[in-house]
Full PDB file with SEQRES, HELIX, SHEET, SSBOND, CRYST1, ORIGX, SCALE, CONECT and MASTER records, all heavy atoms in Angstrom:
SEQRES   1 A   29  SER TYR ASN GLY ALA LYS THR GLY VAL TYR GLY THR PRO          
SEQRES   2 A   29  ARG PHE MET ALA PRO GLU ILE VAL THR GLY LYS ALA LYS          
SEQRES   3 A   29  PRO SER ARG                                                  
HELIX    1 AA1 PRO A   18  VAL A   21  1                                   4    
CRYST1    1.000    1.000    1.000  90.00  90.00  90.00 P 1           1          
ORIGX1      1.000000  0.000000  0.000000        0.00000                         
ORIGX2      0.000000  1.000000  0.000000        0.00000                         
ORIGX3      0.000000  0.000000  1.000000        0.00000                         
SCALE1      1.000000  0.000000  0.000000        0.00000                         
SCALE2      0.000000  1.000000  0.000000        0.00000                         
SCALE3      0.000000  0.000000  1.000000        0.00000                         
ATOM      1  N   SER A   1      -3.242  -6.979  -7.908  1.00  0.00           N  
ATOM      2  CA  SER A   1      -4.045  -7.883  -7.144  1.00  0.00           C  
ATOM      3  C   SER A   1      -5.406  -7.201  -6.798  1.00  0.00           C  
ATOM      4  O   SER A   1      -5.562  -5.989  -6.975  1.00  0.00           O  
ATOM      5  CB  SER A   1      -3.380  -8.381  -5.859  1.00  0.00           C  
ATOM      6  OG  SER A   1      -2.972  -7.311  -5.051  1.00  0.00           O  
ATOM      7  N   TYR A   2      -6.307  -8.030  -6.311  1.00  0.00           N  
ATOM      8  CA  TYR A   2      -7.673  -7.472  -5.996  1.00  0.00           C  
ATOM      9  C   TYR A   2      -7.488  -6.450  -4.925  1.00  0.00           C  
ATOM     10  O   TYR A   2      -6.688  -6.531  -3.974  1.00  0.00           O  
ATOM     11  CB  TYR A   2      -8.561  -8.608  -5.583  1.00  0.00           C  
ATOM     12  CG  TYR A   2      -9.044  -9.431  -6.705  1.00  0.00           C  
ATOM     13  CD1 TYR A   2      -8.574 -10.764  -6.928  1.00  0.00           C  
ATOM     14  CD2 TYR A   2      -9.927  -8.945  -7.660  1.00  0.00           C  
ATOM     15  CE1 TYR A   2      -9.046 -11.488  -8.019  1.00  0.00           C  
ATOM     16  CE2 TYR A   2     -10.354  -9.688  -8.782  1.00  0.00           C  
ATOM     17  CZ  TYR A   2      -9.877 -10.918  -8.925  1.00  0.00           C  
ATOM     18  OH  TYR A   2     -10.343 -11.689 -10.033  1.00  0.00           O  
ATOM     19  N   ASN A   3      -8.400  -5.424  -5.021  1.00  0.00           N  
ATOM     20  CA  ASN A   3      -8.355  -4.313  -4.123  1.00  0.00           C  
ATOM     21  C   ASN A   3      -8.450  -4.761  -2.666  1.00  0.00           C  
ATOM     22  O   ASN A   3      -9.351  -5.483  -2.236  1.00  0.00           O  
ATOM     23  CB  ASN A   3      -9.545  -3.368  -4.354  1.00  0.00           C  
ATOM     24  CG  ASN A   3      -9.511  -2.076  -3.623  1.00  0.00           C  
ATOM     25  OD1 ASN A   3      -8.448  -1.513  -3.432  1.00  0.00           O  
ATOM     26  ND2 ASN A   3     -10.653  -1.573  -3.322  1.00  0.00           N  
ATOM     27  N   GLY A   4      -7.456  -4.326  -1.866  1.00  0.00           N  
ATOM     28  CA  GLY A   4      -7.382  -4.680  -0.430  1.00  0.00           C  
ATOM     29  C   GLY A   4      -6.729  -5.969  -0.101  1.00  0.00           C  
ATOM     30  O   GLY A   4      -6.606  -6.391   1.073  1.00  0.00           O  
ATOM     31  N   ALA A   5      -6.238  -6.732  -1.076  1.00  0.00           N  
ATOM     32  CA  ALA A   5      -5.516  -8.017  -0.871  1.00  0.00           C  
ATOM     33  C   ALA A   5      -4.282  -7.801  -0.041  1.00  0.00           C  
ATOM     34  O   ALA A   5      -3.650  -6.701  -0.152  1.00  0.00           O  
ATOM     35  CB  ALA A   5      -5.166  -8.641  -2.169  1.00  0.00           C  
ATOM     36  N   LYS A   6      -3.944  -8.737   0.797  1.00  0.00           N  
ATOM     37  CA  LYS A   6      -2.807  -8.579   1.680  1.00  0.00           C  
ATOM     38  C   LYS A   6      -1.491  -9.151   1.081  1.00  0.00           C  
ATOM     39  O   LYS A   6      -0.447  -9.111   1.696  1.00  0.00           O  
ATOM     40  CB  LYS A   6      -3.095  -9.404   3.007  1.00  0.00           C  
ATOM     41  CG  LYS A   6      -4.245  -8.791   3.749  1.00  0.00           C  
ATOM     42  CD  LYS A   6      -4.450  -9.425   5.096  1.00  0.00           C  
ATOM     43  CE  LYS A   6      -5.635  -8.912   5.817  1.00  0.00           C  
ATOM     44  NZ  LYS A   6      -5.864  -9.648   7.165  1.00  0.00           N  
ATOM     45  N   THR A   7      -1.624  -9.550  -0.179  1.00  0.00           N  
ATOM     46  CA  THR A   7      -0.409 -10.115  -0.878  1.00  0.00           C  
ATOM     47  C   THR A   7       0.195  -9.065  -1.776  1.00  0.00           C  
ATOM     48  O   THR A   7      -0.497  -8.023  -2.157  1.00  0.00           O  
ATOM     49  CB  THR A   7      -0.728 -11.335  -1.663  1.00  0.00           C  
ATOM     50  OG1 THR A   7      -1.769 -11.001  -2.586  1.00  0.00           O  
ATOM     51  CG2 THR A   7      -1.250 -12.421  -0.757  1.00  0.00           C  
ATOM     52  N   GLY A   8       1.369  -9.251  -2.280  1.00  0.00           N  
ATOM     53  CA  GLY A   8       1.990  -8.370  -3.227  1.00  0.00           C  
ATOM     54  C   GLY A   8       2.782  -7.231  -2.656  1.00  0.00           C  
ATOM     55  O   GLY A   8       3.051  -7.164  -1.430  1.00  0.00           O  
ATOM     56  N   VAL A   9       3.306  -6.355  -3.461  1.00  0.00           N  
ATOM     57  CA  VAL A   9       4.182  -5.299  -3.067  1.00  0.00           C  
ATOM     58  C   VAL A   9       3.333  -4.157  -2.453  1.00  0.00           C  
ATOM     59  O   VAL A   9       2.125  -4.090  -2.660  1.00  0.00           O  
ATOM     60  CB  VAL A   9       5.011  -4.769  -4.231  1.00  0.00           C  
ATOM     61  CG1 VAL A   9       5.851  -5.873  -4.858  1.00  0.00           C  
ATOM     62  CG2 VAL A   9       4.146  -4.158  -5.313  1.00  0.00           C  
ATOM     63  N   TYR A  10       4.000  -3.279  -1.751  1.00  0.00           N  
ATOM     64  CA  TYR A  10       3.301  -2.083  -1.120  1.00  0.00           C  
ATOM     65  C   TYR A  10       3.636  -0.770  -1.806  1.00  0.00           C  
ATOM     66  O   TYR A  10       3.014   0.230  -1.495  1.00  0.00           O  
ATOM     67  CB  TYR A  10       3.818  -2.036   0.362  1.00  0.00           C  
ATOM     68  CG  TYR A  10       2.989  -2.915   1.361  1.00  0.00           C  
ATOM     69  CD1 TYR A  10       2.648  -4.227   0.904  1.00  0.00           C  
ATOM     70  CD2 TYR A  10       2.568  -2.464   2.463  1.00  0.00           C  
ATOM     71  CE1 TYR A  10       1.939  -5.029   1.817  1.00  0.00           C  
ATOM     72  CE2 TYR A  10       1.771  -3.229   3.337  1.00  0.00           C  
ATOM     73  CZ  TYR A  10       1.491  -4.547   2.976  1.00  0.00           C  
ATOM     74  OH  TYR A  10       0.790  -5.327   3.806  1.00  0.00           O  
ATOM     75  N   GLY A  11       4.526  -0.822  -2.832  1.00  0.00           N  
ATOM     76  CA  GLY A  11       4.723   0.399  -3.559  1.00  0.00           C  
ATOM     77  C   GLY A  11       6.211   0.765  -3.654  1.00  0.00           C  
ATOM     78  O   GLY A  11       7.089   0.103  -3.145  1.00  0.00           O  
ATOM     79  N   THR A  12       6.487   1.910  -4.362  1.00  0.00           N  
ATOM     80  CA  THR A  12       7.837   2.428  -4.497  1.00  0.00           C  
ATOM     81  C   THR A  12       7.983   3.674  -3.597  1.00  0.00           C  
ATOM     82  O   THR A  12       7.068   4.513  -3.515  1.00  0.00           O  
ATOM     83  CB  THR A  12       8.006   2.837  -5.950  1.00  0.00           C  
ATOM     84  OG1 THR A  12       7.947   1.744  -6.794  1.00  0.00           O  
ATOM     85  CG2 THR A  12       9.371   3.551  -6.203  1.00  0.00           C  
ATOM     86  N   PRO A  13       9.064   3.673  -2.858  1.00  0.00           N  
ATOM     87  CA  PRO A  13       9.325   4.891  -1.989  1.00  0.00           C  
ATOM     88  C   PRO A  13       9.143   6.219  -2.755  1.00  0.00           C  
ATOM     89  O   PRO A  13       9.412   6.364  -3.925  1.00  0.00           O  
ATOM     90  CB  PRO A  13      10.826   4.721  -1.522  1.00  0.00           C  
ATOM     91  CG  PRO A  13      11.018   3.205  -1.566  1.00  0.00           C  
ATOM     92  CD  PRO A  13      10.242   2.719  -2.798  1.00  0.00           C  
ATOM     93  N   ARG A  14       8.542   7.200  -2.093  1.00  0.00           N  
ATOM     94  CA  ARG A  14       8.203   8.502  -2.601  1.00  0.00           C  
ATOM     95  C   ARG A  14       6.974   8.507  -3.388  1.00  0.00           C  
ATOM     96  O   ARG A  14       6.448   9.623  -3.694  1.00  0.00           O  
ATOM     97  CB  ARG A  14       9.407   9.084  -3.355  1.00  0.00           C  
ATOM     98  CG  ARG A  14      10.672   9.159  -2.634  1.00  0.00           C  
ATOM     99  CD  ARG A  14      11.915   9.481  -3.445  1.00  0.00           C  
ATOM    100  NE  ARG A  14      11.887  10.817  -3.901  1.00  0.00           N  
ATOM    101  CZ  ARG A  14      12.230  11.107  -5.146  1.00  0.00           C  
ATOM    102  NH1 ARG A  14      12.565  10.223  -6.054  1.00  0.00           N  
ATOM    103  NH2 ARG A  14      12.262  12.461  -5.536  1.00  0.00           N  
ATOM    104  N   PHE A  15       6.426   7.378  -3.775  1.00  0.00           N  
ATOM    105  CA  PHE A  15       5.134   7.332  -4.383  1.00  0.00           C  
ATOM    106  C   PHE A  15       4.017   6.715  -3.484  1.00  0.00           C  
ATOM    107  O   PHE A  15       2.846   6.887  -3.828  1.00  0.00           O  
ATOM    108  CB  PHE A  15       5.231   6.491  -5.705  1.00  0.00           C  
ATOM    109  CG  PHE A  15       5.912   7.125  -6.902  1.00  0.00           C  
ATOM    110  CD1 PHE A  15       7.259   7.095  -6.981  1.00  0.00           C  
ATOM    111  CD2 PHE A  15       5.185   7.811  -7.817  1.00  0.00           C  
ATOM    112  CE1 PHE A  15       7.911   7.761  -8.000  1.00  0.00           C  
ATOM    113  CE2 PHE A  15       5.763   8.470  -8.888  1.00  0.00           C  
ATOM    114  CZ  PHE A  15       7.203   8.405  -8.948  1.00  0.00           C  
ATOM    115  N   MET A  16       4.367   6.162  -2.489  1.00  0.00           N  
ATOM    116  CA  MET A  16       3.492   5.518  -1.512  1.00  0.00           C  
ATOM    117  C   MET A  16       2.648   6.536  -0.795  1.00  0.00           C  
ATOM    118  O   MET A  16       3.120   7.609  -0.393  1.00  0.00           O  
ATOM    119  CB  MET A  16       4.148   4.543  -0.562  1.00  0.00           C  
ATOM    120  CG  MET A  16       4.758   3.311  -1.222  1.00  0.00           C  
ATOM    121  SD  MET A  16       5.427   2.083  -0.025  1.00  0.00           S  
ATOM    122  CE  MET A  16       6.859   3.008   0.499  1.00  0.00           C  
ATOM    123  N   ALA A  17       1.352   6.248  -0.549  1.00  0.00           N  
ATOM    124  CA  ALA A  17       0.486   7.095   0.237  1.00  0.00           C  
ATOM    125  C   ALA A  17       0.974   7.243   1.620  1.00  0.00           C  
ATOM    126  O   ALA A  17       1.540   6.240   2.115  1.00  0.00           O  
ATOM    127  CB  ALA A  17      -0.962   6.577   0.141  1.00  0.00           C  
ATOM    128  N   PRO A  18       0.750   8.377   2.309  1.00  0.00           N  
ATOM    129  CA  PRO A  18       1.236   8.515   3.684  1.00  0.00           C  
ATOM    130  C   PRO A  18       0.787   7.360   4.592  1.00  0.00           C  
ATOM    131  O   PRO A  18       1.540   6.945   5.421  1.00  0.00           O  
ATOM    132  CB  PRO A  18       0.607   9.869   4.113  1.00  0.00           C  
ATOM    133  CG  PRO A  18       0.407  10.567   2.889  1.00  0.00           C  
ATOM    134  CD  PRO A  18       0.048   9.598   1.809  1.00  0.00           C  
ATOM    135  N   GLU A  19      -0.487   6.844   4.466  1.00  0.00           N  
ATOM    136  CA  GLU A  19      -0.935   5.792   5.288  1.00  0.00           C  
ATOM    137  C   GLU A  19      -0.227   4.493   5.071  1.00  0.00           C  
ATOM    138  O   GLU A  19      -0.188   3.578   5.920  1.00  0.00           O  
ATOM    139  CB  GLU A  19      -2.424   5.633   5.183  1.00  0.00           C  
ATOM    140  CG  GLU A  19      -2.930   5.203   3.797  1.00  0.00           C  
ATOM    141  CD  GLU A  19      -3.293   6.361   2.902  1.00  0.00           C  
ATOM    142  OE1 GLU A  19      -2.684   7.450   3.039  1.00  0.00           O  
ATOM    143  OE2 GLU A  19      -4.135   6.094   1.947  1.00  0.00           O  
ATOM    144  N   ILE A  20       0.317   4.314   3.876  1.00  0.00           N  
ATOM    145  CA  ILE A  20       1.229   3.143   3.641  1.00  0.00           C  
ATOM    146  C   ILE A  20       2.554   3.279   4.305  1.00  0.00           C  
ATOM    147  O   ILE A  20       3.093   2.438   4.944  1.00  0.00           O  
ATOM    148  CB  ILE A  20       1.414   2.857   2.109  1.00  0.00           C  
ATOM    149  CG1 ILE A  20       0.095   2.576   1.459  1.00  0.00           C  
ATOM    150  CG2 ILE A  20       2.437   1.779   1.883  1.00  0.00           C  
ATOM    151  CD1 ILE A  20      -0.461   1.233   1.684  1.00  0.00           C  
ATOM    152  N   VAL A  21       3.097   4.483   4.194  1.00  0.00           N  
ATOM    153  CA  VAL A  21       4.469   4.827   4.754  1.00  0.00           C  
ATOM    154  C   VAL A  21       4.421   4.618   6.310  1.00  0.00           C  
ATOM    155  O   VAL A  21       5.356   4.060   6.924  1.00  0.00           O  
ATOM    156  CB  VAL A  21       4.904   6.219   4.436  1.00  0.00           C  
ATOM    157  CG1 VAL A  21       6.225   6.609   5.123  1.00  0.00           C  
ATOM    158  CG2 VAL A  21       5.023   6.378   2.907  1.00  0.00           C  
ATOM    159  N   THR A  22       3.317   5.029   6.905  1.00  0.00           N  
ATOM    160  CA  THR A  22       3.183   4.940   8.324  1.00  0.00           C  
ATOM    161  C   THR A  22       2.688   3.628   8.818  1.00  0.00           C  
ATOM    162  O   THR A  22       2.595   3.299  10.085  1.00  0.00           O  
ATOM    163  CB  THR A  22       2.316   6.057   8.907  1.00  0.00           C  
ATOM    164  OG1 THR A  22       1.025   5.938   8.273  1.00  0.00           O  
ATOM    165  CG2 THR A  22       2.857   7.417   8.573  1.00  0.00           C  
ATOM    166  N   GLY A  23       2.371   2.691   7.875  1.00  0.00           N  
ATOM    167  CA  GLY A  23       1.944   1.364   8.231  1.00  0.00           C  
ATOM    168  C   GLY A  23       0.441   1.251   8.700  1.00  0.00           C  
ATOM    169  O   GLY A  23       0.064   0.254   9.333  1.00  0.00           O  
ATOM    170  N   LYS A  24      -0.293   2.304   8.375  1.00  0.00           N  
ATOM    171  CA  LYS A  24      -1.708   2.294   8.866  1.00  0.00           C  
ATOM    172  C   LYS A  24      -2.692   1.748   7.920  1.00  0.00           C  
ATOM    173  O   LYS A  24      -3.861   1.639   8.235  1.00  0.00           O  
ATOM    174  CB  LYS A  24      -2.157   3.820   9.230  1.00  0.00           C  
ATOM    175  CG  LYS A  24      -1.338   4.341  10.361  1.00  0.00           C  
ATOM    176  CD  LYS A  24      -1.763   5.808  10.649  1.00  0.00           C  
ATOM    177  CE  LYS A  24      -0.985   6.487  11.742  1.00  0.00           C  
ATOM    178  NZ  LYS A  24      -1.324   7.869  12.020  1.00  0.00           N  
ATOM    179  N   ALA A  25      -2.243   1.392   6.701  1.00  0.00           N  
ATOM    180  CA  ALA A  25      -3.142   0.885   5.658  1.00  0.00           C  
ATOM    181  C   ALA A  25      -2.365  -0.030   4.765  1.00  0.00           C  
ATOM    182  O   ALA A  25      -1.153  -0.024   4.720  1.00  0.00           O  
ATOM    183  CB  ALA A  25      -3.807   2.007   4.946  1.00  0.00           C  
ATOM    184  N   LYS A  26      -3.149  -0.813   3.996  1.00  0.00           N  
ATOM    185  CA  LYS A  26      -2.639  -1.694   2.994  1.00  0.00           C  
ATOM    186  C   LYS A  26      -3.003  -1.113   1.620  1.00  0.00           C  
ATOM    187  O   LYS A  26      -3.847  -0.234   1.475  1.00  0.00           O  
ATOM    188  CB  LYS A  26      -3.277  -3.134   3.152  1.00  0.00           C  
ATOM    189  CG  LYS A  26      -2.990  -3.806   4.427  1.00  0.00           C  
ATOM    190  CD  LYS A  26      -1.562  -4.176   4.593  1.00  0.00           C  
ATOM    191  CE  LYS A  26      -1.314  -5.116   5.809  1.00  0.00           C  
ATOM    192  NZ  LYS A  26      -1.638  -4.382   7.107  1.00  0.00           N  
ATOM    193  N   PRO A  27      -2.307  -1.516   0.641  1.00  0.00           N  
ATOM    194  CA  PRO A  27      -2.548  -0.991  -0.761  1.00  0.00           C  
ATOM    195  C   PRO A  27      -3.975  -1.226  -1.214  1.00  0.00           C  
ATOM    196  O   PRO A  27      -4.588  -2.273  -0.903  1.00  0.00           O  
ATOM    197  CB  PRO A  27      -1.596  -1.794  -1.672  1.00  0.00           C  
ATOM    198  CG  PRO A  27      -0.433  -2.161  -0.729  1.00  0.00           C  
ATOM    199  CD  PRO A  27      -1.103  -2.434   0.568  1.00  0.00           C  
ATOM    200  N   SER A  28      -4.596  -0.206  -1.833  1.00  0.00           N  
ATOM    201  CA  SER A  28      -5.945  -0.234  -2.260  1.00  0.00           C  
ATOM    202  C   SER A  28      -6.116   0.706  -3.434  1.00  0.00           C  
ATOM    203  O   SER A  28      -5.174   1.448  -3.777  1.00  0.00           O  
ATOM    204  CB  SER A  28      -6.888   0.118  -1.113  1.00  0.00           C  
ATOM    205  OG  SER A  28      -6.703   1.532  -0.748  1.00  0.00           O  
ATOM    206  N   ARG A  29      -7.350   0.888  -3.949  1.00  0.00           N  
ATOM    207  CA  ARG A  29      -7.626   1.806  -4.940  1.00  0.00           C  
ATOM    208  C   ARG A  29      -7.228   3.247  -4.448  1.00  0.00           C  
ATOM    209  O   ARG A  29      -6.705   4.073  -5.134  1.00  0.00           O  
ATOM    210  CB  ARG A  29      -9.096   1.792  -5.352  1.00  0.00           C  
ATOM    211  CG  ARG A  29      -9.479   2.910  -6.347  1.00  0.00           C  
ATOM    212  CD  ARG A  29     -10.895   2.791  -6.811  1.00  0.00           C  
ATOM    213  NE  ARG A  29     -11.250   3.871  -7.719  1.00  0.00           N  
ATOM    214  CZ  ARG A  29     -11.950   4.930  -7.297  1.00  0.00           C  
ATOM    215  NH1 ARG A  29     -12.355   5.055  -6.079  1.00  0.00           N  
ATOM    216  NH2 ARG A  29     -12.270   5.910  -8.197  1.00  0.00           N  
TER     217      ARG A  29                                                      
MASTER        0    0    0    1    0    0    0    6  216    1    0    3          
END                                                                             
């Protein structure tokens, strides 16, 4: 999806960025 979109998946465990794991950010470049 487009960079910063609020739709779609958030990632696969162990591959997600720390800020995704902690809920501080949404998926992006």
